[in-house]
Amino acid sequence: MKAGAFEFLTKPPKDRRLIDAVRRAITQSAATLEQAAELRRLRARYARLTPRQREVMTLVTQGMLNKQVAAELGTTEIMVKVHRRHVMAKMEADSLPDLVRMADRLGLRSQP
């Protein structure tokens, strides 16, 4: 089980139980593969960001206001808004909560 077995069947396995176990394993495998593919797509979008956009994304998704991000990065609030808009577009985020979920998946929100 530790090595990745999906289920334990006793010998001889009953036909129905074996078929059900195989179906569940296939379903689980498909879901795992889809999650991995989605994470790869997310990482590819993140790779398109400039270093400054990555900084802005990290700070914004940690809950900082534009004014606070500007002070942290030594820039203006207007520039933070511009970077934030580009981050939203490049990450294909529909909303700030959507961007926060992406940051969580990427491991950018480890700090409070």
C-alpha atoms as a PDB file:
ATOM      1  CA  MET A   1       0.000   0.000   0.000  1.00  0.00           C
ATOM      2  CA  LYS A   2       2.836   2.401   0.781  1.00  0.00           C
ATOM      3  CA  ALA A   3       4.296   1.821  -2.686  1.00  0.00           C
ATOM      4  CA  GLY A   4       1.091   3.056  -4.327  1.00  0.00           C
ATOM      5  CA  ALA A   5      -1.269   0.080  -4.355  1.00  0.00           C
ATOM      6  CA  PHE A   6      -4.848   1.176  -4.825  1.00  0.00           C
ATOM      7  CA  GLU A   7      -6.626  -1.699  -3.142  1.00  0.00           C
ATOM      8  CA  PHE A   8      -5.938  -5.052  -1.544  1.00  0.00           C
ATOM      9  CA  LEU A   9      -7.847  -8.048  -2.900  1.00  0.00           C
ATOM     10  CA  THR A  10      -7.800 -11.547  -1.462  1.00  0.00           C
ATOM     11  CA  LYS A  11      -7.242 -14.554  -3.695  1.00  0.00           C
ATOM     12  CA  PRO A  12      -9.149 -15.567  -5.642  1.00  0.00           C
ATOM     13  CA  PRO A  13     -10.754 -12.167  -6.249  1.00  0.00           C
ATOM     14  CA  LYS A  14     -14.447 -12.096  -7.030  1.00  0.00           C
ATOM     15  CA  ASP A  15     -15.095 -10.903 -10.601  1.00  0.00           C
ATOM     16  CA  ARG A  16     -17.320  -7.985  -9.608  1.00  0.00           C
ATOM     17  CA  ARG A  17     -14.958  -6.781  -6.896  1.00  0.00           C
ATOM     18  CA  LEU A  18     -11.967  -6.976  -9.245  1.00  0.00           C
ATOM     19  CA  ILE A  19     -13.766  -5.021 -11.971  1.00  0.00           C
ATOM     20  CA  ASP A  20     -14.904  -2.373  -9.463  1.00  0.00           C
ATOM     21  CA  ALA A  21     -11.375  -2.040  -8.095  1.00  0.00           C
ATOM     22  CA  VAL A  22      -9.920  -1.619 -11.598  1.00  0.00           C
ATOM     23  CA  ARG A  23     -12.556   1.016 -12.470  1.00  0.00           C
ATOM     24  CA  ARG A  24     -11.818   2.995  -9.293  1.00  0.00           C
ATOM     25  CA  ALA A  25      -8.080   2.778  -9.970  1.00  0.00           C
ATOM     26  CA  ILE A  26      -8.534   4.047 -13.534  1.00  0.00           C
ATOM     27  CA  THR A  27     -10.759   6.896 -12.349  1.00  0.00           C
ATOM     28  CA  GLN A  28      -8.253   7.837  -9.639  1.00  0.00           C
ATOM     29  CA  SER A  29      -5.367   7.676 -12.109  1.00  0.00           C
ATOM     30  CA  ALA A  30      -7.189   9.880 -14.632  1.00  0.00           C
ATOM     31  CA  ALA A  31      -7.927  12.472 -11.931  1.00  0.00           C
ATOM     32  CA  THR A  32      -4.294  12.454 -10.785  1.00  0.00           C
ATOM     33  CA  LEU A  33      -3.042  12.877 -14.346  1.00  0.00           C
ATOM     34  CA  GLU A  34      -5.447  15.775 -14.940  1.00  0.00           C
ATOM     35  CA  GLN A  35      -4.305  17.509 -11.749  1.00  0.00           C
ATOM     36  CA  ALA A  36      -0.676  17.124 -12.810  1.00  0.00           C
ATOM     37  CA  ALA A  37      -1.465  18.522 -16.263  1.00  0.00           C
ATOM     38  CA  GLU A  38      -3.290  21.497 -14.737  1.00  0.00           C
ATOM     39  CA  LEU A  39      -0.318  22.212 -12.461  1.00  0.00           C
ATOM     40  CA  ARG A  40       2.018  22.106 -15.488  1.00  0.00           C
ATOM     41  CA  ARG A  41      -0.235  24.609 -17.310  1.00  0.00           C
ATOM     42  CA  LEU A  42      -0.280  26.832 -14.228  1.00  0.00           C
ATOM     43  CA  ARG A  43       3.514  26.735 -13.935  1.00  0.00           C
ATOM     44  CA  ALA A  44       3.825  27.598 -17.634  1.00  0.00           C
ATOM     45  CA  ARG A  45       1.616  30.668 -17.130  1.00  0.00           C
ATOM     46  CA  TYR A  46       3.646  31.673 -14.067  1.00  0.00           C
ATOM     47  CA  ALA A  47       6.870  31.326 -16.096  1.00  0.00           C
ATOM     48  CA  ARG A  48       5.567  34.021 -18.488  1.00  0.00           C
ATOM     49  CA  LEU A  49       5.546  36.601 -15.681  1.00  0.00           C
ATOM     50  CA  THR A  50       8.411  39.064 -15.347  1.00  0.00           C
ATOM     51  CA  PRO A  51      10.360  39.025 -12.075  1.00  0.00           C
ATOM     52  CA  ARG A  52       8.536  42.186 -10.933  1.00  0.00           C
ATOM     53  CA  GLN A  53       5.145  40.680 -11.804  1.00  0.00           C
ATOM     54  CA  ARG A  54       6.058  37.618  -9.736  1.00  0.00           C
ATOM     55  CA  GLU A  55       6.891  39.841  -6.777  1.00  0.00           C
ATOM     56  CA  VAL A  56       3.600  41.709  -7.140  1.00  0.00           C
ATOM     57  CA  MET A  57       1.643  38.463  -7.444  1.00  0.00           C
ATOM     58  CA  THR A  58       3.250  37.033  -4.329  1.00  0.00           C
ATOM     59  CA  LEU A  59       2.590  40.119  -2.224  1.00  0.00           C
ATOM     60  CA  VAL A  60      -0.951  40.713  -3.488  1.00  0.00           C
ATOM     61  CA  THR A  61      -1.970  37.103  -2.919  1.00  0.00           C
ATOM     62  CA  GLN A  62      -0.605  37.319   0.615  1.00  0.00           C
ATOM     63  CA  GLY A  63      -3.224  39.998   1.283  1.00  0.00           C
ATOM     64  CA  MET A  64      -1.242  43.183   0.895  1.00  0.00           C
ATOM     65  CA  LEU A  65      -2.966  46.283  -0.462  1.00  0.00           C
ATOM     66  CA  ASN A  66      -1.619  47.991  -3.590  1.00  0.00           C
ATOM     67  CA  LYS A  67      -0.275  50.825  -1.424  1.00  0.00           C
ATOM     68  CA  GLN A  68       1.557  48.333   0.802  1.00  0.00           C
ATOM     69  CA  VAL A  69       2.978  46.457  -2.189  1.00  0.00           C
ATOM     70  CA  ALA A  70       4.220  49.756  -3.652  1.00  0.00           C
ATOM     71  CA  ALA A  71       5.963  50.665  -0.395  1.00  0.00           C
ATOM     72  CA  GLU A  72       7.479  47.171  -0.119  1.00  0.00           C
ATOM     73  CA  LEU A  73       8.830  47.263  -3.673  1.00  0.00           C
ATOM     74  CA  GLY A  74       9.792  50.947  -3.722  1.00  0.00           C
ATOM     75  CA  THR A  75       7.478  51.844  -6.574  1.00  0.00           C
ATOM     76  CA  THR A  76       4.209  53.711  -7.082  1.00  0.00           C
ATOM     77  CA  GLU A  77       0.716  52.415  -6.496  1.00  0.00           C
ATOM     78  CA  ILE A  78      -0.093  53.053 -10.157  1.00  0.00           C
ATOM     79  CA  MET A  79       2.764  50.776 -11.257  1.00  0.00           C
ATOM     80  CA  VAL A  80       1.534  48.087  -8.876  1.00  0.00           C
ATOM     81  CA  LYS A  81      -1.914  48.324 -10.489  1.00  0.00           C
ATOM     82  CA  VAL A  82      -0.351  47.983 -13.943  1.00  0.00           C
ATOM     83  CA  HIS A  83       1.690  44.948 -12.875  1.00  0.00           C
ATOM     84  CA  ARG A  84      -1.328  43.459 -11.154  1.00  0.00           C
ATOM     85  CA  ARG A  85      -3.435  43.837 -14.301  1.00  0.00           C
ATOM     86  CA  HIS A  86      -0.723  42.108 -16.352  1.00  0.00           C
ATOM     87  CA  VAL A  87      -0.458  39.321 -13.763  1.00  0.00           C
ATOM     88  CA  MET A  88      -4.216  38.739 -13.922  1.00  0.00           C
ATOM     89  CA  ALA A  89      -4.100  38.565 -17.733  1.00  0.00           C
ATOM     90  CA  LYS A  90      -1.033  36.332 -18.012  1.00  0.00           C
ATOM     91  CA  MET A  91      -2.236  33.977 -15.269  1.00  0.00           C
ATOM     92  CA  GLU A  92      -5.714  33.923 -16.869  1.00  0.00           C
ATOM     93  CA  ALA A  93      -7.260  34.679 -13.490  1.00  0.00           C
ATOM     94  CA  ASP A  94     -10.900  35.757 -13.418  1.00  0.00           C
ATOM     95  CA  SER A  95     -10.687  37.346  -9.971  1.00  0.00           C
ATOM     96  CA  LEU A  96      -8.375  37.934  -7.039  1.00  0.00           C
ATOM     97  CA  PRO A  97      -9.676  34.816  -5.224  1.00  0.00           C
ATOM     98  CA  ASP A  98      -8.905  32.840  -8.393  1.00  0.00           C
ATOM     99  CA  LEU A  99      -5.365  34.245  -8.387  1.00  0.00           C
ATOM    100  CA  VAL A 100      -5.009  33.379  -4.683  1.00  0.00           C
ATOM    101  CA  ARG A 101      -5.979  29.758  -5.423  1.00  0.00           C
ATOM    102  CA  MET A 102      -3.339  29.689  -8.161  1.00  0.00           C
ATOM    103  CA  ALA A 103      -0.728  31.080  -5.781  1.00  0.00           C
ATOM    104  CA  ASP A 104      -1.639  28.373  -3.264  1.00  0.00           C
ATOM    105  CA  ARG A 105      -1.181  25.668  -5.891  1.00  0.00           C
ATOM    106  CA  LEU A 106       2.201  27.185  -6.823  1.00  0.00           C
ATOM    107  CA  GLY A 107       3.278  27.385  -3.179  1.00  0.00           C
ATOM    108  CA  LEU A 108       3.619  31.189  -3.174  1.00  0.00           C
ATOM    109  CA  ARG A 109       1.516  31.804  -0.081  1.00  0.00           C
ATOM    110  CA  SER A 110       3.575  29.956   2.517  1.00  0.00           C
ATOM    111  CA  GLN A 111       4.132  33.167   4.463  1.00  0.00           C
ATOM    112  CA  PRO A 112       1.237  34.702   6.441  1.00  0.00           C
END
